[in-house]
Amino acid sequence: MTLVAGVDSSTQSCKVVIRDAETGELVRHGRGTHPEGTEVHPDAWWAALQTALNEAGGLDDVAAVAVGAQQHGMVCLDETGRVVRPALLWNDTRSADAALDLIAELGGGAAWAQAVGVVPVASFTVTKLRWLAQHEPDAAAQTAAVCLPHDWLTWRLGADPALEALRTDRGDASGTGYWSAASGAYRSDLLIRALGHDVAVPRVLGPSEPAGTIPKGSLLGPGTGDNAAAALGLDTRPGDVIVSIGTSGVACSVSDAPAADPSGTIAGFADATGRFLPLVATLNAARVLDAVATMLRVDHEELSRLALSAPPGAGGVVVVPYLEGERTPDRPDATGAVHGLRLSTATAAHLARAAVEGLLCGLADGIDALVATGDRVERVFLIGGGARSGAVRRIAPTVLGRPVLVPPPGEYVADGAARQAAWAFSGNTEPPRWPRAGVETYDSDVVESIRARYAQARELTVTRQQ
């Protein structure tokens, strides 16, 4: 049996799966925890990876390994490879003003969409580099190379410590704000515009091109960002939309053509197979459920039961869940709001239902945006920690307007990385086909008034907070 390993270094933790390269059968797995916060030293990721690898039995018998990780984070290295300062993560919004400045300097969102397929928001690496240049000029001056979380972990796993050995892939590079999925090239002028000087960046590998080897000899796959890894783990195809409810909320579609949305709603990312992954992201997803469960002093199972006990539409109660600002729409300073409360609906059940519906409405807006650009939607996959909620699974078709497929709970980012590792090791032109059983389909009548009331409350909330 040939074994491959996949890593998911997410915002909250590091997961490792070790699978049979031919069948995809899970052999063993491990997990390590990351510290909280939006600013984390990469050494914490490395420590969590070691914990997860030890729990998973190590890599001595593994033929190949690949890393999937949270997108966008800014990892700055000096000329010796030392980390200059803690990494700013995707959910760090301090660079919101820098994003606005960069958009204006280039002539607006359309210019950015044309250049690199994305319009800067505080999540993207390019805005964090501008913030660094403005607020920590000494750290900016020391920076000789910039990479992303998956790039850094792949480099640390590898046998070559030189900065020239940094590698990335199309999927993760497309989230930087200075690499174009359409042209397949870096825009060093945009990187220099942000940071003030040129630096080394990882070489962008093909979907199954090896990134090197680890000291013990196992092959390193190119790795990728978490969304592209999840799409690979699910074996998606054009016409599929993935809705992921994790720390962030994501709606992305597998496409044969690059996207360039001047409004910035859709990020024109690449995927991990050579196709494209137009994506809409929200900052507020599973933690909305955490917050409401805390408010109501219930666990997640009871929160789900409460939500399903209330009627569709929650009797007119609407939760706009901008608890950590928001990325889509771009409102980094927004706060959450509850609208439509009456004496008859001031209950735990109505609030629980409204929270689930509000979370899903933001993602439904994302699907609408993808459709408006010409993407077709044939299947919707619902994944992520939030998909474990029975209320989320059952309410999703009512809000999203389509039947929803829910694969069994799994580590789809790590699985995608493992599948990529197997692909790189095989040398084949296509990734291996791993069977997946247990997919559930949820269907329901659409209640259009839910989306309409949410849209009204969303605009009212944004207008009041401007």
Protein backbone atom coordinates (compact mmCIF):
# COMPACT_ATOMS: atom_id res chain seq x y z
CA MET A 1 0.00 0.00 0.00
CA THR A 2 1.36 3.43 -1.01
CA LEU A 3 0.49 6.12 1.54
CA VAL A 4 0.07 9.86 1.03
CA ALA A 5 -0.49 12.63 3.56
CA GLY A 6 -2.63 15.75 3.36
CA VAL A 7 -2.38 18.72 5.70
CA ASP A 8 -5.05 21.30 6.48
CA SER A 9 -3.50 24.23 8.34
CA SER A 10 -6.65 26.26 8.98
CA THR A 11 -7.27 29.33 11.08
CA GLN A 12 -8.06 27.34 14.21
CA SER A 13 -6.12 24.10 13.91
CA CYS A 14 -3.92 21.78 11.87
CA LYS A 15 -5.28 18.45 10.66
CA VAL A 16 -3.35 15.65 8.99
CA VAL A 17 -4.85 12.69 7.13
CA ILE A 18 -2.87 9.76 5.79
CA ARG A 19 -4.62 7.82 3.04
CA ASP A 20 -4.07 4.98 0.62
CA ALA A 21 -2.91 6.67 -2.59
CA GLU A 22 -4.94 4.33 -4.79
CA THR A 23 -8.26 4.00 -2.97
CA GLY A 24 -8.30 7.06 -0.71
CA GLU A 25 -8.96 4.88 2.32
CA LEU A 26 -8.18 6.69 5.58
CA VAL A 27 -5.33 4.96 7.40
CA ARG A 28 -4.68 7.36 10.28
CA HIS A 29 -5.00 11.01 11.23
CA GLY A 30 -3.89 13.67 13.73
CA ARG A 31 -4.65 17.16 14.93
CA GLY A 32 -2.93 20.14 16.55
CA THR A 33 -4.39 23.42 17.81
CA HIS A 34 -3.57 26.95 16.65
CA PRO A 35 -3.69 30.00 18.92
CA GLU A 36 -6.60 32.39 18.56
CA GLY A 37 -6.27 35.80 17.01
CA THR A 38 -5.80 37.45 13.64
CA GLU A 39 -2.03 37.80 14.08
CA VAL A 40 -0.05 34.58 14.63
CA HIS A 41 3.63 33.74 14.45
CA PRO A 42 4.15 31.00 11.84
CA ASP A 43 6.13 28.99 14.39
CA ALA A 44 2.74 28.20 16.00
CA TRP A 45 1.63 26.57 12.73
CA TRP A 46 4.82 24.54 12.64
CA ALA A 47 4.35 23.37 16.23
CA ALA A 48 0.73 22.38 15.52
CA LEU A 49 1.84 20.51 12.39
CA GLN A 50 4.39 18.54 14.42
CA THR A 51 1.71 17.67 16.98
CA ALA A 52 -0.67 16.54 14.24
CA LEU A 53 2.01 14.53 12.46
CA ASN A 54 3.06 12.80 15.66
CA GLU A 55 -0.55 11.91 16.41
CA ALA A 56 -0.91 10.61 12.85
CA GLY A 57 2.12 8.37 13.17
CA GLY A 58 4.60 10.50 11.24
CA LEU A 59 5.74 10.53 7.63
CA ASP A 60 8.37 7.76 7.62
CA ASP A 61 6.20 5.44 5.52
CA VAL A 62 4.52 8.17 3.44
CA ALA A 63 5.41 8.53 -0.24
CA ALA A 64 4.17 12.08 -0.72
CA VAL A 65 2.68 14.96 1.28
CA ALA A 66 0.93 18.21 0.35
CA VAL A 67 -0.28 21.17 2.39
CA GLY A 68 -3.59 23.01 2.15
CA ALA A 69 -3.90 26.11 4.31
CA GLN A 70 -5.81 29.29 5.03
CA GLN A 71 -5.50 31.78 2.19
CA HIS A 72 -4.17 35.34 2.01
CA GLY A 73 -2.06 35.49 5.18
CA MET A 74 1.07 37.65 5.02
CA VAL A 75 4.30 35.87 5.97
CA CYS A 76 7.34 38.15 5.68
CA LEU A 77 10.86 36.70 5.67
CA ASP A 78 14.22 38.46 5.84
CA GLU A 79 17.17 37.55 3.62
CA THR A 80 18.14 34.69 5.98
CA GLY A 81 14.64 33.19 5.95
CA ARG A 82 13.77 34.43 9.45
CA VAL A 83 10.16 35.50 10.04
CA VAL A 84 10.19 39.30 10.30
CA ARG A 85 6.96 39.68 12.29
CA PRO A 86 3.90 37.59 13.17
CA ALA A 87 1.74 36.79 10.16
CA LEU A 88 -1.40 38.80 9.54
CA LEU A 89 -4.21 36.35 8.79
CA TRP A 90 -6.99 36.60 6.23
CA ASN A 91 -9.47 37.76 8.91
CA ASP A 92 -7.32 40.66 10.11
CA THR A 93 -9.13 43.79 8.90
CA ARG A 94 -6.62 46.47 9.94
CA SER A 95 -5.62 46.96 6.28
CA ALA A 96 -9.12 48.09 5.19
CA ASP A 97 -7.99 51.67 4.57
CA ALA A 98 -4.95 50.40 2.69
CA ALA A 99 -7.30 48.47 0.40
CA LEU A 100 -9.25 51.63 -0.41
CA ASP A 101 -6.04 53.52 -1.11
CA LEU A 102 -4.75 50.83 -3.46
CA ILE A 103 -8.04 50.70 -5.37
CA ALA A 104 -8.02 54.47 -5.84
CA GLU A 105 -4.37 54.59 -6.89
CA LEU A 106 -4.88 52.10 -9.71
CA GLY A 107 -8.03 53.83 -10.95
CA GLY A 108 -10.81 51.80 -9.36
CA GLY A 109 -12.08 48.27 -8.96
CA ALA A 110 -12.33 47.61 -12.69
CA ALA A 111 -8.60 48.22 -13.10
CA TRP A 112 -7.77 45.71 -10.36
CA ALA A 113 -10.21 43.12 -11.69
CA GLN A 114 -8.65 43.44 -15.12
CA ALA A 115 -5.11 43.22 -13.71
CA VAL A 116 -5.40 40.30 -11.27
CA GLY A 117 -9.04 39.17 -11.15
CA VAL A 118 -9.68 40.55 -7.66
CA VAL A 119 -10.49 43.91 -6.11
CA PRO A 120 -8.50 44.45 -2.90
CA VAL A 121 -10.21 44.04 0.46
CA ALA A 122 -8.58 43.75 3.86
CA SER A 123 -8.28 39.96 3.52
CA PHE A 124 -5.83 40.01 0.61
CA THR A 125 -2.07 39.92 1.08
CA VAL A 126 -1.44 42.98 -1.07
CA THR A 127 -3.37 45.21 1.35
CA LYS A 128 -1.49 43.82 4.34
CA LEU A 129 1.80 44.69 2.64
CA ARG A 130 0.65 48.28 2.21
CA TRP A 131 -0.35 48.38 5.90
CA LEU A 132 3.08 47.06 6.83
CA ALA A 133 4.85 49.71 4.75
CA GLN A 134 2.78 52.46 6.35
CA HIS A 135 2.74 51.32 9.97
CA GLU A 136 5.89 49.21 10.41
CA PRO A 137 8.42 50.59 7.92
CA ASP A 138 11.38 48.91 9.63
CA ALA A 139 9.72 45.50 9.26
CA ALA A 140 8.85 46.33 5.65
CA ALA A 141 12.47 47.26 4.95
CA GLN A 142 13.70 43.95 6.41
CA THR A 143 11.31 41.93 4.24
CA ALA A 144 13.16 40.08 1.48
CA ALA A 145 10.47 37.51 0.63
CA VAL A 146 6.71 37.27 1.02
CA CYS A 147 4.78 34.01 1.07
CA LEU A 148 1.48 32.56 2.26
CA PRO A 149 0.79 30.06 5.08
CA HIS A 150 0.77 27.01 2.81
CA ASP A 151 3.90 28.23 1.01
CA TRP A 152 5.77 28.68 4.29
CA LEU A 153 4.79 25.27 5.67
CA THR A 154 5.72 23.54 2.41
CA TRP A 155 9.08 25.34 2.47
CA ARG A 156 9.68 24.36 6.11
CA LEU A 157 8.85 20.72 5.31
CA GLY A 158 11.26 20.75 2.38
CA ALA A 159 14.94 19.91 2.31
CA ASP A 160 16.10 23.25 0.83
CA PRO A 161 16.16 26.25 3.23
CA ALA A 162 17.00 28.85 0.56
CA LEU A 163 14.43 31.54 -0.23
CA GLU A 164 14.73 30.48 -3.87
CA ALA A 165 13.10 27.17 -2.86
CA LEU A 166 9.78 28.83 -1.95
CA ARG A 167 6.95 27.31 -3.99
CA THR A 168 3.21 27.91 -4.34
CA ASP A 169 0.38 26.98 -6.71
CA ARG A 170 -2.18 28.80 -8.84
CA GLY A 171 -4.96 28.46 -6.29
CA ASP A 172 -3.17 30.20 -3.44
CA ALA A 173 -1.23 32.68 -5.59
CA SER A 174 -4.52 33.96 -7.02
CA GLY A 175 -5.52 35.24 -3.58
CA THR A 176 -2.54 37.52 -3.07
CA GLY A 177 -3.69 40.49 -5.14
CA TYR A 178 -0.47 40.49 -7.18
CA TRP A 179 -0.82 37.32 -9.29
CA SER A 180 -3.31 36.95 -12.14
CA ALA A 181 -5.21 33.71 -12.64
CA ALA A 182 -6.08 34.80 -16.18
CA SER A 183 -2.50 35.46 -17.32
CA GLY A 184 -0.74 33.05 -14.96
CA ALA A 185 1.83 35.67 -14.02
CA TYR A 186 2.86 37.84 -11.09
CA ARG A 187 2.24 41.57 -11.22
CA SER A 188 5.39 42.73 -9.45
CA ASP A 189 4.41 46.34 -10.09
CA LEU A 190 1.39 45.88 -7.79
CA LEU A 191 3.49 44.20 -5.11
CA ILE A 192 6.00 47.07 -5.27
CA ARG A 193 3.15 49.59 -5.17
CA ALA A 194 1.98 48.01 -1.92
CA LEU A 195 5.26 47.32 -0.10
CA GLY A 196 7.48 49.98 -1.61
CA HIS A 197 10.15 47.63 -2.96
CA ASP A 198 10.45 44.32 -4.77
CA VAL A 199 10.87 41.02 -2.89
CA ALA A 200 11.21 37.34 -3.66
CA VAL A 201 7.94 35.45 -4.15
CA PRO A 202 7.31 31.70 -4.47
CA ARG A 203 7.52 30.09 -7.89
CA VAL A 204 4.05 29.04 -9.05
CA LEU A 205 3.88 25.33 -9.79
CA GLY A 206 1.52 23.38 -12.00
CA PRO A 207 -1.34 21.41 -10.38
CA SER A 208 0.68 18.21 -9.85
CA GLU A 209 4.22 19.54 -10.12
CA PRO A 210 6.41 18.48 -7.19
CA ALA A 211 7.70 21.20 -4.86
CA GLY A 212 10.70 19.13 -3.79
CA THR A 213 11.18 16.52 -1.10
CA ILE A 214 11.28 16.44 2.67
CA PRO A 215 14.59 15.48 4.34
CA LYS A 216 13.44 11.87 4.73
CA GLY A 217 12.72 11.64 1.01
CA SER A 218 8.93 11.91 0.70
CA LEU A 219 7.76 13.91 -2.31
CA LEU A 220 6.24 17.35 -1.67
CA GLY A 221 3.17 18.30 -3.67
CA PRO A 222 2.67 21.96 -4.59
CA GLY A 223 -0.06 22.43 -1.98
CA THR A 224 -2.81 25.04 -2.34
CA GLY A 225 -5.23 27.30 -0.51
CA ASP A 226 -8.01 25.87 1.61
CA ASN A 227 -10.87 26.50 -0.81
CA ALA A 228 -9.07 24.98 -3.77
CA ALA A 229 -8.05 22.02 -1.63
CA ALA A 230 -11.64 21.45 -0.53
CA ALA A 231 -12.83 21.53 -4.14
CA LEU A 232 -10.20 18.93 -5.01
CA GLY A 233 -11.15 16.84 -2.00
CA LEU A 234 -14.78 16.82 -3.13
CA ASP A 235 -13.83 15.96 -6.74
CA THR A 236 -15.96 18.84 -8.02
CA ARG A 237 -16.59 19.66 -11.67
CA PRO A 238 -17.85 22.63 -13.68
CA GLY A 239 -21.44 23.34 -12.62
CA ASP A 240 -20.75 22.57 -8.97
CA VAL A 241 -20.97 25.20 -6.24
CA ILE A 242 -19.39 24.61 -2.86
CA VAL A 243 -20.83 26.37 0.15
CA SER A 244 -18.46 26.07 3.08
CA ILE A 245 -19.42 27.19 6.56
CA GLY A 246 -16.27 27.40 8.64
CA THR A 247 -14.61 30.34 10.35
CA SER A 248 -15.41 32.14 7.11
CA GLY A 249 -18.32 31.49 4.79
CA VAL A 250 -17.57 30.65 1.17
CA ALA A 251 -19.55 30.12 -2.00
CA CYS A 252 -17.39 29.14 -4.94
CA SER A 253 -17.99 27.55 -8.33
CA VAL A 254 -15.77 25.40 -10.50
CA SER A 255 -15.38 27.13 -13.85
CA ASP A 256 -13.50 26.74 -17.11
CA ALA A 257 -13.06 30.51 -17.45
CA PRO A 258 -11.43 33.16 -15.21
CA ALA A 259 -13.60 35.74 -13.49
CA ALA A 260 -13.02 39.50 -13.32
CA ASP A 261 -15.71 41.24 -11.27
CA PRO A 262 -15.11 45.01 -11.01
CA SER A 263 -17.45 45.24 -8.01
CA GLY A 264 -15.13 43.00 -6.01
CA THR A 265 -17.96 40.73 -4.87
CA ILE A 266 -16.44 37.79 -6.73
CA ALA A 267 -12.76 37.00 -6.36
CA GLY A 268 -11.36 35.52 -9.56
CA PHE A 269 -9.32 32.73 -8.00
CA ALA A 270 -7.77 29.72 -9.68
CA ASP A 271 -8.36 26.16 -8.49
CA ALA A 272 -5.93 23.30 -7.90
CA THR A 273 -6.56 21.46 -11.18
CA GLY A 274 -5.87 24.07 -13.87
CA ARG A 275 -9.42 25.44 -13.88
CA PHE A 276 -10.79 28.46 -12.03
CA LEU A 277 -12.64 28.96 -8.76
CA PRO A 278 -14.68 32.20 -8.72
CA LEU A 279 -15.38 32.78 -5.05
CA VAL A 280 -17.49 34.90 -2.76
CA ALA A 281 -16.42 34.97 0.89
CA THR A 282 -18.00 36.26 4.08
CA LEU A 283 -16.19 36.87 7.36
CA ASN A 284 -19.09 35.61 9.45
CA ALA A 285 -20.06 31.97 9.32
CA ALA A 286 -19.83 29.18 11.91
CA ARG A 287 -18.90 31.59 14.68
CA VAL A 288 -22.33 33.18 14.27
CA LEU A 289 -23.77 29.90 15.50
CA ASP A 290 -21.21 29.85 18.31
CA ALA A 291 -22.16 33.37 19.37
CA VAL A 292 -25.91 32.79 19.36
CA ALA A 293 -25.51 29.51 21.24
CA THR A 294 -23.52 31.41 23.86
CA MET A 295 -26.15 34.15 24.06
CA LEU A 296 -28.90 31.58 24.57
CA ARG A 297 -26.74 29.46 26.91
CA VAL A 298 -27.31 26.29 24.91
CA ASP A 299 -25.08 23.83 23.09
CA HIS A 300 -25.15 23.46 19.32
CA GLU A 301 -27.51 20.49 19.37
CA GLU A 302 -30.08 22.49 21.33
CA LEU A 303 -29.53 25.54 19.11
CA SER A 304 -30.38 23.37 16.11
CA ARG A 305 -33.48 22.00 17.81
CA LEU A 306 -34.64 25.51 18.70
CA ALA A 307 -34.10 26.79 15.15
CA LEU A 308 -36.09 23.94 13.62
CA SER A 309 -38.94 24.50 16.07
CA ALA A 310 -39.54 28.03 14.74
CA PRO A 311 -41.37 28.66 11.44
CA PRO A 312 -39.56 29.52 8.19
CA GLY A 313 -38.83 33.22 8.21
CA ALA A 314 -38.66 33.24 12.02
CA GLY A 315 -41.87 35.23 12.24
CA GLY A 316 -40.20 38.22 10.62
CA VAL A 317 -37.11 38.25 12.84
CA VAL A 318 -33.95 38.89 10.82
CA VAL A 319 -30.35 38.58 12.01
CA VAL A 320 -27.73 40.46 10.01
CA PRO A 321 -24.67 38.55 11.27
CA TYR A 322 -21.84 41.06 10.76
CA LEU A 323 -20.28 40.18 14.11
CA GLU A 324 -16.67 40.65 12.95
CA GLY A 325 -17.16 43.31 10.31
CA GLU A 326 -17.80 41.92 6.86
CA ARG A 327 -15.93 41.23 3.65
CA THR A 328 -18.94 40.73 1.35
CA PRO A 329 -20.29 43.37 1.29
CA ASP A 330 -17.06 45.17 2.11
CA ARG A 331 -17.94 46.61 5.53
CA PRO A 332 -14.93 45.94 7.78
CA ASP A 333 -16.32 48.12 10.59
CA ALA A 334 -19.90 46.81 10.49
CA THR A 335 -21.58 45.17 13.48
CA GLY A 336 -24.38 42.64 13.77
CA ALA A 337 -28.04 43.57 14.13
CA VAL A 338 -31.42 42.01 14.90
CA HIS A 339 -34.49 43.38 13.11
CA GLY A 340 -38.22 42.70 13.32
CA LEU A 341 -38.59 41.65 16.95
CA ARG A 342 -42.09 41.59 18.38
CA LEU A 343 -43.38 40.37 21.71
CA SER A 344 -44.63 37.21 20.05
CA THR A 345 -41.24 36.46 18.45
CA ALA A 346 -38.92 37.45 21.29
CA THR A 347 -38.08 33.80 21.94
CA ALA A 348 -34.95 31.68 21.83
CA ALA A 349 -36.40 29.64 18.98
CA HIS A 350 -37.07 32.64 16.74
CA LEU A 351 -33.60 34.10 17.37
CA ALA A 352 -31.95 30.73 16.67
CA ARG A 353 -33.88 30.34 13.41
CA ALA A 354 -33.11 33.91 12.33
CA ALA A 355 -29.40 33.43 13.01
CA VAL A 356 -29.26 30.32 10.81
CA GLU A 357 -31.26 32.00 8.06
CA GLY A 358 -29.14 35.17 8.22
CA LEU A 359 -25.93 33.20 7.91
CA LEU A 360 -27.32 31.33 4.90
CA CYS A 361 -28.74 34.47 3.26
CA GLY A 362 -25.26 35.96 3.04
CA LEU A 363 -24.08 32.84 1.23
CA ALA A 364 -27.18 32.81 -1.01
CA ASP A 365 -26.26 36.33 -2.10
CA GLY A 366 -22.89 34.89 -3.07
CA ILE A 367 -24.46 32.18 -5.23
CA ASP A 368 -26.62 34.83 -6.93
CA ALA A 369 -23.49 36.81 -7.75
CA LEU A 370 -21.84 33.76 -9.30
CA VAL A 371 -24.91 33.04 -11.43
CA ALA A 372 -25.07 36.68 -12.55
CA THR A 373 -21.59 36.36 -14.08
CA GLY A 374 -22.66 33.37 -16.15
CA ASP A 375 -21.68 30.46 -13.94
CA ARG A 376 -24.13 27.59 -14.03
CA VAL A 377 -25.24 25.92 -10.82
CA GLU A 378 -26.12 22.24 -11.14
CA ARG A 379 -25.16 20.97 -7.68
CA VAL A 380 -24.60 22.70 -4.32
CA PHE A 381 -22.28 20.97 -1.85
CA LEU A 382 -22.55 22.04 1.78
CA ILE A 383 -19.43 21.44 3.87
CA GLY A 384 -17.54 22.84 6.86
CA GLY A 385 -18.10 22.70 10.59
CA GLY A 386 -21.38 24.59 10.28
CA ALA A 387 -22.78 21.87 8.01
CA ARG A 388 -22.83 19.52 11.01
CA SER A 389 -25.79 21.46 12.34
CA GLY A 390 -29.07 19.73 11.52
CA ALA A 391 -30.77 23.12 11.32
CA VAL A 392 -28.24 24.42 8.80
CA ARG A 393 -28.62 21.32 6.62
CA ARG A 394 -32.42 21.40 6.66
CA ILE A 395 -32.84 25.16 6.28
CA ALA A 396 -30.18 25.58 3.58
CA PRO A 397 -32.35 24.47 0.60
CA THR A 398 -35.12 26.82 1.75
CA VAL A 399 -32.75 29.79 1.66
CA LEU A 400 -30.39 28.79 -1.16
CA GLY A 401 -33.24 27.88 -3.47
CA ARG A 402 -31.75 24.59 -4.60
CA PRO A 403 -31.38 21.01 -3.37
CA VAL A 404 -28.28 20.69 -1.21
CA LEU A 405 -25.84 17.77 -1.15
CA VAL A 406 -24.14 17.18 2.19
CA PRO A 407 -21.18 14.79 2.12
CA PRO A 408 -20.42 12.95 5.34
CA PRO A 409 -18.39 15.02 7.83
CA GLY A 410 -14.75 15.00 6.84
CA GLU A 411 -11.54 16.94 6.51
CA TYR A 412 -12.05 17.98 2.90
CA VAL A 413 -9.15 20.43 2.79
CA ALA A 414 -6.75 17.80 4.12
CA ASP A 415 -8.33 15.21 1.82
CA GLY A 416 -7.80 17.50 -1.17
CA ALA A 417 -4.17 17.98 -0.18
CA ALA A 418 -3.74 14.21 0.14
CA ARG A 419 -5.34 13.69 -3.27
CA GLN A 420 -2.95 16.26 -4.73
CA ALA A 421 0.00 14.44 -3.11
CA ALA A 422 -1.15 11.18 -4.69
CA TRP A 423 -1.49 12.95 -8.04
CA ALA A 424 2.03 14.41 -7.83
CA PHE A 425 3.47 11.04 -6.84
CA SER A 426 1.69 9.16 -9.64
CA GLY A 427 2.87 11.42 -12.45
CA ASN A 428 -0.53 10.95 -14.13
CA THR A 429 -2.32 13.69 -16.06
CA GLU A 430 -5.41 13.51 -13.81
CA PRO A 431 -5.82 13.16 -10.04
CA PRO A 432 -6.87 9.74 -8.69
CA ARG A 433 -10.57 9.00 -8.39
CA TRP A 434 -11.43 8.19 -4.80
CA PRO A 435 -14.97 6.86 -4.17
CA ARG A 436 -17.09 8.74 -1.64
CA ALA A 437 -20.23 7.29 -0.07
CA GLY A 438 -22.87 8.63 2.27
CA VAL A 439 -23.78 11.90 0.53
CA GLU A 440 -27.19 13.14 1.76
CA THR A 441 -29.56 15.27 -0.31
CA TYR A 442 -31.80 17.86 1.33
CA ASP A 443 -34.73 19.37 -0.53
CA SER A 444 -37.34 21.88 0.56
CA ASP A 445 -39.79 24.47 -0.66
CA VAL A 446 -38.24 27.89 -1.14
CA VAL A 447 -39.58 30.71 1.04
CA GLU A 448 -38.73 33.79 -1.01
CA SER A 449 -39.80 36.22 1.71
CA ILE A 450 -36.79 35.16 3.81
CA ARG A 451 -34.35 36.55 1.27
CA ALA A 452 -36.42 39.67 0.69
CA ARG A 453 -36.65 40.55 4.39
CA TYR A 454 -32.94 39.86 4.84
CA ALA A 455 -32.07 42.18 1.95
CA GLN A 456 -34.12 44.98 3.50
CA ALA A 457 -32.53 44.49 6.92
CA ARG A 458 -29.04 44.24 5.43
CA GLU A 459 -29.37 47.54 3.61
CA LEU A 460 -30.89 49.21 6.66
CA THR A 461 -28.02 47.97 8.82
CA VAL A 462 -25.34 49.11 6.38
CA THR A 463 -26.99 52.54 5.88
CA ARG A 464 -27.20 53.21 9.61
CA GLN A 465 -23.57 52.23 10.17
CA GLN A 466 -22.06 54.27 7.35
